[in-house]
Amino acid sequence: MTTTTPPTLANFREVGGPGFQAGRTRTVYRSNTEDVPATAYPVVLETVVDLRRGDEVAALAHPLRAAAGYRNVPLFDPAAGEESAPDALELRDQYVDWLVRHRATMLLVFRALAETEGDVLVCCSAGKDRTGVVSALLARLWGADLDRIGADYAATGAALAGRFARERAEAADAEHFDRNARSEAATAVAVVEHVEERFLSVRGYLRWLGLSDREVDRL
């Protein structure tokens, strides 16, 4: 007799790691999305910013979808044609590509975060890629060093080891799966370094997206 491990919010945590946001007026959390009851969330949230595509949301409705503060704000812009450039094979290259390719929807994501005052959750499917990019930028904006940003990103690997093992067993291309399931600290660090090289700072990138200084300050 085989048993199936029930899904959990194993990748739920504070952006930047435990204690990093101490002293801030609100806490921003990050998480995977699973078929769990609403009571599985360990905190009360004013807002949920769900970065998943419409088809992902249709396939698995968010457990907190009935909450007044739930918002589906897809990070991938349908008008962009592709999620990332065909030659962006490594995660670092995909993430960097997203920063510009999905500029219009990146703006909506960060604007949604700026518009809420209470505790907020940013999530996607695994809480690693789309959520990882947003989390890395937020943490850097708040003054996190690169080691902390890398560690926060890398924590997903251990948190979702069980889920990734199950998904790999069902994957048609294990090599492709392995490449995209990696959670190496250097990936998030490279994305932040790219932003700071091209836009001088995360604030510079957010202003380039179209956020006002007031909105950036509200983050």
C-alpha atoms as a PDB file:
ATOM      1  CA  MET A   1       0.000   0.000   0.000  1.00  0.00           C
ATOM      2  CA  THR A   2       1.397   3.383  -1.025  1.00  0.00           C
ATOM      3  CA  THR A   3       0.718   6.631   0.721  1.00  0.00           C
ATOM      4  CA  THR A   4       0.938  10.168  -0.560  1.00  0.00           C
ATOM      5  CA  THR A   5       2.543  12.827   1.570  1.00  0.00           C
ATOM      6  CA  PRO A   6       0.014  15.652   1.968  1.00  0.00           C
ATOM      7  CA  PRO A   7       1.112  19.015   0.544  1.00  0.00           C
ATOM      8  CA  THR A   8       2.375  21.595   2.989  1.00  0.00           C
ATOM      9  CA  LEU A   9       3.517  25.206   3.001  1.00  0.00           C
ATOM     10  CA  ALA A  10       7.099  24.044   3.474  1.00  0.00           C
ATOM     11  CA  ASN A  11       8.444  27.116   1.686  1.00  0.00           C
ATOM     12  CA  PHE A  12       6.564  29.662   3.813  1.00  0.00           C
ATOM     13  CA  ARG A  13       8.880  32.143   5.556  1.00  0.00           C
ATOM     14  CA  GLU A  14       9.665  35.829   5.993  1.00  0.00           C
ATOM     15  CA  VAL A  15      11.382  37.512   3.066  1.00  0.00           C
ATOM     16  CA  GLY A  16      15.039  37.846   3.984  1.00  0.00           C
ATOM     17  CA  GLY A  17      14.939  35.146   6.621  1.00  0.00           C
ATOM     18  CA  PRO A  18      13.916  35.092  10.301  1.00  0.00           C
ATOM     19  CA  GLY A  19      14.288  38.394  12.098  1.00  0.00           C
ATOM     20  CA  PHE A  20      15.440  40.391   9.088  1.00  0.00           C
ATOM     21  CA  GLN A  21      12.288  42.517   8.991  1.00  0.00           C
ATOM     22  CA  ALA A  22      12.231  43.205  12.740  1.00  0.00           C
ATOM     23  CA  GLY A  23      11.285  46.804  13.385  1.00  0.00           C
ATOM     24  CA  ARG A  24       9.404  47.259  10.110  1.00  0.00           C
ATOM     25  CA  THR A  25       5.759  48.289  10.274  1.00  0.00           C
ATOM     26  CA  ARG A  26       4.646  45.159   8.445  1.00  0.00           C
ATOM     27  CA  THR A  27       6.045  41.781   7.451  1.00  0.00           C
ATOM     28  CA  VAL A  28       6.249  40.450   3.909  1.00  0.00           C
ATOM     29  CA  TYR A  29       6.174  36.659   3.646  1.00  0.00           C
ATOM     30  CA  ARG A  30       6.942  34.345   0.741  1.00  0.00           C
ATOM     31  CA  SER A  31       5.503  30.910   0.036  1.00  0.00           C
ATOM     32  CA  ASN A  32       4.706  28.059  -2.272  1.00  0.00           C
ATOM     33  CA  THR A  33       1.066  27.394  -3.154  1.00  0.00           C
ATOM     34  CA  GLU A  34      -0.474  24.025  -2.346  1.00  0.00           C
ATOM     35  CA  ASP A  35      -3.901  22.454  -1.943  1.00  0.00           C
ATOM     36  CA  VAL A  36      -4.124  23.104   1.777  1.00  0.00           C
ATOM     37  CA  PRO A  37      -6.852  24.605   3.981  1.00  0.00           C
ATOM     38  CA  ALA A  38      -6.770  28.329   4.657  1.00  0.00           C
ATOM     39  CA  THR A  39      -5.964  27.505   8.258  1.00  0.00           C
ATOM     40  CA  ALA A  40      -2.590  26.105   7.165  1.00  0.00           C
ATOM     41  CA  TYR A  41      -1.210  29.655   6.976  1.00  0.00           C
ATOM     42  CA  PRO A  42       0.541  30.407  10.275  1.00  0.00           C
ATOM     43  CA  VAL A  43      -0.161  34.150  10.281  1.00  0.00           C
ATOM     44  CA  VAL A  44      -3.004  36.545   9.574  1.00  0.00           C
ATOM     45  CA  LEU A  45      -2.434  38.305   6.262  1.00  0.00           C
ATOM     46  CA  GLU A  46      -3.962  41.533   5.027  1.00  0.00           C
ATOM     47  CA  THR A  47      -2.993  40.910   1.406  1.00  0.00           C
ATOM     48  CA  VAL A  48      -1.984  37.980  -0.783  1.00  0.00           C
ATOM     49  CA  VAL A  49      -0.204  38.755  -4.062  1.00  0.00           C
ATOM     50  CA  ASP A  50      -0.412  35.594  -6.162  1.00  0.00           C
ATOM     51  CA  LEU A  51       2.108  35.754  -9.025  1.00  0.00           C
ATOM     52  CA  ARG A  52       0.803  32.698 -10.890  1.00  0.00           C
ATOM     53  CA  ARG A  53      -0.617  32.682 -14.404  1.00  0.00           C
ATOM     54  CA  GLY A  54      -4.347  32.458 -14.953  1.00  0.00           C
ATOM     55  CA  ASP A  55      -4.159  28.813 -16.009  1.00  0.00           C
ATOM     56  CA  GLU A  56      -2.244  27.940 -12.823  1.00  0.00           C
ATOM     57  CA  VAL A  57      -4.860  29.678 -10.704  1.00  0.00           C
ATOM     58  CA  ALA A  58      -7.642  27.850 -12.568  1.00  0.00           C
ATOM     59  CA  ALA A  59      -5.911  24.511 -11.984  1.00  0.00           C
ATOM     60  CA  LEU A  60      -5.313  25.191  -8.285  1.00  0.00           C
ATOM     61  CA  ALA A  61      -7.259  27.973  -6.635  1.00  0.00           C
ATOM     62  CA  HIS A  62      -5.334  29.715  -3.886  1.00  0.00           C
ATOM     63  CA  PRO A  63      -6.403  28.605  -0.395  1.00  0.00           C
ATOM     64  CA  LEU A  64      -6.902  32.260   0.595  1.00  0.00           C
ATOM     65  CA  ARG A  65      -8.789  33.239  -2.564  1.00  0.00           C
ATOM     66  CA  ALA A  66     -11.895  34.119  -0.553  1.00  0.00           C
ATOM     67  CA  ALA A  67     -10.041  36.661   1.564  1.00  0.00           C
ATOM     68  CA  ALA A  68     -10.762  40.304   0.828  1.00  0.00           C
ATOM     69  CA  GLY A  69      -7.072  41.012   0.281  1.00  0.00           C
ATOM     70  CA  TYR A  70      -6.390  38.242  -2.232  1.00  0.00           C
ATOM     71  CA  ARG A  71      -5.039  39.514  -5.555  1.00  0.00           C
ATOM     72  CA  ASN A  72      -3.888  37.532  -8.556  1.00  0.00           C
ATOM     73  CA  VAL A  73      -1.163  39.663 -10.174  1.00  0.00           C
ATOM     74  CA  PRO A  74       0.616  37.425 -12.719  1.00  0.00           C
ATOM     75  CA  LEU A  75       4.298  38.222 -13.043  1.00  0.00           C
ATOM     76  CA  PHE A  76       4.438  36.841 -16.571  1.00  0.00           C
ATOM     77  CA  ASP A  77       2.985  39.332 -19.042  1.00  0.00           C
ATOM     78  CA  PRO A  78       0.859  37.540 -21.676  1.00  0.00           C
ATOM     79  CA  ALA A  79       1.676  40.354 -24.105  1.00  0.00           C
ATOM     80  CA  ALA A  80       5.377  39.462 -23.911  1.00  0.00           C
ATOM     81  CA  GLY A  81       4.820  36.389 -26.077  1.00  0.00           C
ATOM     82  CA  GLU A  82       7.248  34.162 -24.200  1.00  0.00           C
ATOM     83  CA  GLU A  83       8.026  33.771 -20.524  1.00  0.00           C
ATOM     84  CA  SER A  84      11.765  34.105 -21.229  1.00  0.00           C
ATOM     85  CA  ALA A  85      14.131  34.243 -24.182  1.00  0.00           C
ATOM     86  CA  PRO A  86      14.728  30.867 -25.904  1.00  0.00           C
ATOM     87  CA  ASP A  87      18.470  31.124 -25.267  1.00  0.00           C
ATOM     88  CA  ALA A  88      17.990  31.867 -21.535  1.00  0.00           C
ATOM     89  CA  LEU A  89      18.703  28.314 -20.420  1.00  0.00           C
ATOM     90  CA  GLU A  90      20.137  28.954 -16.977  1.00  0.00           C
ATOM     91  CA  LEU A  91      17.934  30.301 -14.197  1.00  0.00           C
ATOM     92  CA  ARG A  92      20.098  33.383 -13.750  1.00  0.00           C
ATOM     93  CA  ASP A  93      19.566  34.277 -17.418  1.00  0.00           C
ATOM     94  CA  GLN A  94      15.838  33.633 -17.212  1.00  0.00           C
ATOM     95  CA  TYR A  95      15.458  35.837 -14.161  1.00  0.00           C
ATOM     96  CA  VAL A  96      17.457  38.666 -15.700  1.00  0.00           C
ATOM     97  CA  ASP A  97      15.349  38.396 -18.845  1.00  0.00           C
ATOM     98  CA  TRP A  98      12.154  38.640 -16.815  1.00  0.00           C
ATOM     99  CA  LEU A  99      13.216  41.966 -15.323  1.00  0.00           C
ATOM    100  CA  VAL A 100      12.760  43.689 -18.678  1.00  0.00           C
ATOM    101  CA  ARG A 101      10.535  41.321 -20.667  1.00  0.00           C
ATOM    102  CA  HIS A 102       7.831  41.503 -18.005  1.00  0.00           C
ATOM    103  CA  ARG A 103       8.349  45.135 -17.089  1.00  0.00           C
ATOM    104  CA  ALA A 104       4.634  45.977 -17.315  1.00  0.00           C
ATOM    105  CA  THR A 105       3.569  43.237 -14.938  1.00  0.00           C
ATOM    106  CA  MET A 106       6.575  43.678 -12.634  1.00  0.00           C
ATOM    107  CA  LEU A 107       5.269  47.207 -12.130  1.00  0.00           C
ATOM    108  CA  LEU A 108       1.842  45.873 -11.160  1.00  0.00           C
ATOM    109  CA  VAL A 109       3.367  43.374  -8.729  1.00  0.00           C
ATOM    110  CA  PHE A 110       5.415  45.942  -6.836  1.00  0.00           C
ATOM    111  CA  ARG A 111       2.593  48.474  -6.960  1.00  0.00           C
ATOM    112  CA  ALA A 112       0.275  45.918  -5.371  1.00  0.00           C
ATOM    113  CA  LEU A 113       2.824  45.398  -2.592  1.00  0.00           C
ATOM    114  CA  ALA A 114       3.158  49.142  -2.076  1.00  0.00           C
ATOM    115  CA  GLU A 115      -0.596  49.598  -1.785  1.00  0.00           C
ATOM    116  CA  THR A 116      -1.020  47.448   1.314  1.00  0.00           C
ATOM    117  CA  GLU A 117      -0.110  48.451   4.865  1.00  0.00           C
ATOM    118  CA  GLY A 118      -0.529  45.187   6.735  1.00  0.00           C
ATOM    119  CA  ASP A 119       1.264  41.868   6.530  1.00  0.00           C
ATOM    120  CA  VAL A 120       1.418  40.525   2.994  1.00  0.00           C
ATOM    121  CA  LEU A 121       2.232  37.249   1.268  1.00  0.00           C
ATOM    122  CA  VAL A 122       3.979  36.957  -2.100  1.00  0.00           C
ATOM    123  CA  CYS A 123       3.586  33.528  -3.676  1.00  0.00           C
ATOM    124  CA  CYS A 124       3.721  31.577  -6.895  1.00  0.00           C
ATOM    125  CA  SER A 125       3.715  27.819  -7.455  1.00  0.00           C
ATOM    126  CA  ALA A 126       6.898  26.672  -5.717  1.00  0.00           C
ATOM    127  CA  GLY A 127       7.722  30.064  -4.208  1.00  0.00           C
ATOM    128  CA  LYS A 128      11.183  29.840  -5.774  1.00  0.00           C
ATOM    129  CA  ASP A 129      11.457  31.579  -9.141  1.00  0.00           C
ATOM    130  CA  ARG A 130       8.943  34.402  -9.557  1.00  0.00           C
ATOM    131  CA  THR A 131       8.640  34.775  -5.799  1.00  0.00           C
ATOM    132  CA  GLY A 132      12.409  34.423  -5.482  1.00  0.00           C
ATOM    133  CA  VAL A 133      13.112  37.332  -7.823  1.00  0.00           C
ATOM    134  CA  VAL A 134      10.597  39.621  -6.108  1.00  0.00           C
ATOM    135  CA  SER A 135      11.889  38.605  -2.671  1.00  0.00           C
ATOM    136  CA  ALA A 136      15.531  39.204  -3.588  1.00  0.00           C
ATOM    137  CA  LEU A 137      14.742  42.685  -4.870  1.00  0.00           C
ATOM    138  CA  LEU A 138      12.688  43.550  -1.794  1.00  0.00           C
ATOM    139  CA  ALA A 139      15.357  42.305   0.606  1.00  0.00           C
ATOM    140  CA  ARG A 140      18.069  44.266  -1.177  1.00  0.00           C
ATOM    141  CA  LEU A 141      15.901  47.389  -1.183  1.00  0.00           C
ATOM    142  CA  TRP A 142      15.604  46.988   2.588  1.00  0.00           C
ATOM    143  CA  GLY A 143      19.357  46.721   3.018  1.00  0.00           C
ATOM    144  CA  ALA A 144      20.050  42.974   2.998  1.00  0.00           C
ATOM    145  CA  ASP A 145      23.587  41.963   2.103  1.00  0.00           C
ATOM    146  CA  LEU A 146      24.223  39.544  -0.747  1.00  0.00           C
ATOM    147  CA  ASP A 147      24.937  36.624   1.570  1.00  0.00           C
ATOM    148  CA  ARG A 148      21.504  36.958   3.176  1.00  0.00           C
ATOM    149  CA  ILE A 149      19.791  37.265  -0.185  1.00  0.00           C
ATOM    150  CA  GLY A 150      21.555  34.176  -1.461  1.00  0.00           C
ATOM    151  CA  ALA A 151      20.742  32.191   1.668  1.00  0.00           C
ATOM    152  CA  ASP A 152      17.057  33.140   1.521  1.00  0.00           C
ATOM    153  CA  TYR A 153      16.830  32.000  -2.091  1.00  0.00           C
ATOM    154  CA  ALA A 154      18.779  28.789  -1.465  1.00  0.00           C
ATOM    155  CA  ALA A 155      16.521  27.804   1.452  1.00  0.00           C
ATOM    156  CA  THR A 156      13.881  26.700  -1.034  1.00  0.00           C
ATOM    157  CA  GLY A 157      16.016  23.732  -2.105  1.00  0.00           C
ATOM    158  CA  ALA A 158      15.812  22.051   1.283  1.00  0.00           C
ATOM    159  CA  ALA A 159      12.250  23.225   1.966  1.00  0.00           C
ATOM    160  CA  LEU A 160      10.851  21.660  -1.198  1.00  0.00           C
ATOM    161  CA  ALA A 161      13.164  18.665  -1.549  1.00  0.00           C
ATOM    162  CA  GLY A 162      10.253  16.257  -1.217  1.00  0.00           C
ATOM    163  CA  ARG A 163       8.060  18.070  -3.741  1.00  0.00           C
ATOM    164  CA  PHE A 164      10.892  18.361  -6.237  1.00  0.00           C
ATOM    165  CA  ALA A 165      11.715  14.668  -5.901  1.00  0.00           C
ATOM    166  CA  ARG A 166       8.119  13.728  -6.716  1.00  0.00           C
ATOM    167  CA  GLU A 167       7.976  16.119  -9.665  1.00  0.00           C
ATOM    168  CA  ARG A 168      11.309  14.901 -11.020  1.00  0.00           C
ATOM    169  CA  ALA A 169      10.069  11.323 -10.998  1.00  0.00           C
ATOM    170  CA  GLU A 170       7.219  12.401 -13.293  1.00  0.00           C
ATOM    171  CA  ALA A 171       9.270  14.737 -15.509  1.00  0.00           C
ATOM    172  CA  ALA A 172       9.717  13.862 -19.185  1.00  0.00           C
ATOM    173  CA  ASP A 173      13.163  15.499 -19.217  1.00  0.00           C
ATOM    174  CA  ALA A 174      14.989  14.981 -15.924  1.00  0.00           C
ATOM    175  CA  GLU A 175      17.980  17.080 -17.000  1.00  0.00           C
ATOM    176  CA  HIS A 176      15.766  20.037 -17.845  1.00  0.00           C
ATOM    177  CA  PHE A 177      13.906  19.606 -14.567  1.00  0.00           C
ATOM    178  CA  ASP A 178      17.141  19.517 -12.567  1.00  0.00           C
ATOM    179  CA  ARG A 179      18.391  22.706 -14.200  1.00  0.00           C
ATOM    180  CA  ASN A 180      15.214  24.583 -13.338  1.00  0.00           C
ATOM    181  CA  ALA A 181      14.811  23.143  -9.842  1.00  0.00           C
ATOM    182  CA  ARG A 182      18.210  24.369  -8.654  1.00  0.00           C
ATOM    183  CA  SER A 183      18.191  26.811  -5.757  1.00  0.00           C
ATOM    184  CA  GLU A 184      21.774  28.038  -5.697  1.00  0.00           C
ATOM    185  CA  ALA A 185      22.551  31.162  -3.702  1.00  0.00           C
ATOM    186  CA  ALA A 186      24.708  32.514  -6.531  1.00  0.00           C
ATOM    187  CA  THR A 187      21.661  32.743  -8.809  1.00  0.00           C
ATOM    188  CA  ALA A 188      19.845  35.310  -6.679  1.00  0.00           C
ATOM    189  CA  VAL A 189      23.080  37.177  -6.007  1.00  0.00           C
ATOM    190  CA  ALA A 190      23.774  37.425  -9.735  1.00  0.00           C
ATOM    191  CA  VAL A 191      20.327  38.894 -10.388  1.00  0.00           C
ATOM    192  CA  VAL A 192      20.792  41.590  -7.755  1.00  0.00           C
ATOM    193  CA  GLU A 193      24.267  42.376  -9.070  1.00  0.00           C
ATOM    194  CA  HIS A 194      22.839  42.714 -12.578  1.00  0.00           C
ATOM    195  CA  VAL A 195      20.164  45.120 -11.355  1.00  0.00           C
ATOM    196  CA  GLU A 196      22.740  47.243  -9.566  1.00  0.00           C
ATOM    197  CA  GLU A 197      25.046  47.283 -12.572  1.00  0.00           C
ATOM    198  CA  ARG A 198      22.347  48.270 -15.046  1.00  0.00           C
ATOM    199  CA  PHE A 199      20.049  50.391 -12.874  1.00  0.00           C
ATOM    200  CA  LEU A 200      22.532  51.422 -10.134  1.00  0.00           C
ATOM    201  CA  SER A 201      20.227  50.136  -7.385  1.00  0.00           C
ATOM    202  CA  VAL A 202      16.996  48.257  -6.789  1.00  0.00           C
ATOM    203  CA  ARG A 203      15.352  51.621  -6.223  1.00  0.00           C
ATOM    204  CA  GLY A 204      16.638  52.677  -9.630  1.00  0.00           C
ATOM    205  CA  TYR A 205      15.085  49.579 -11.197  1.00  0.00           C
ATOM    206  CA  LEU A 206      11.746  50.153  -9.481  1.00  0.00           C
ATOM    207  CA  ARG A 207      11.707  53.778 -10.585  1.00  0.00           C
ATOM    208  CA  TRP A 208      12.517  52.597 -14.135  1.00  0.00           C
ATOM    209  CA  LEU A 209       9.502  50.307 -13.947  1.00  0.00           C
ATOM    210  CA  GLY A 210       7.343  53.350 -13.225  1.00  0.00           C
ATOM    211  CA  LEU A 211       6.936  53.393  -9.447  1.00  0.00           C
ATOM    212  CA  SER A 212       7.028  56.784  -7.797  1.00  0.00           C
ATOM    213  CA  ASP A 213       9.445  57.509  -4.957  1.00  0.00           C
ATOM    214  CA  ARG A 214       6.488  57.465  -2.590  1.00  0.00           C
ATOM    215  CA  GLU A 215       5.495  53.996  -3.777  1.00  0.00           C
ATOM    216  CA  VAL A 216       9.048  52.698  -3.400  1.00  0.00           C
ATOM    217  CA  ASP A 217       9.190  54.133   0.108  1.00  0.00           C
ATOM    218  CA  ARG A 218       5.954  52.315   0.958  1.00  0.00           C
ATOM    219  CA  LEU A 219       7.554  48.990   0.131  1.00  0.00           C
END
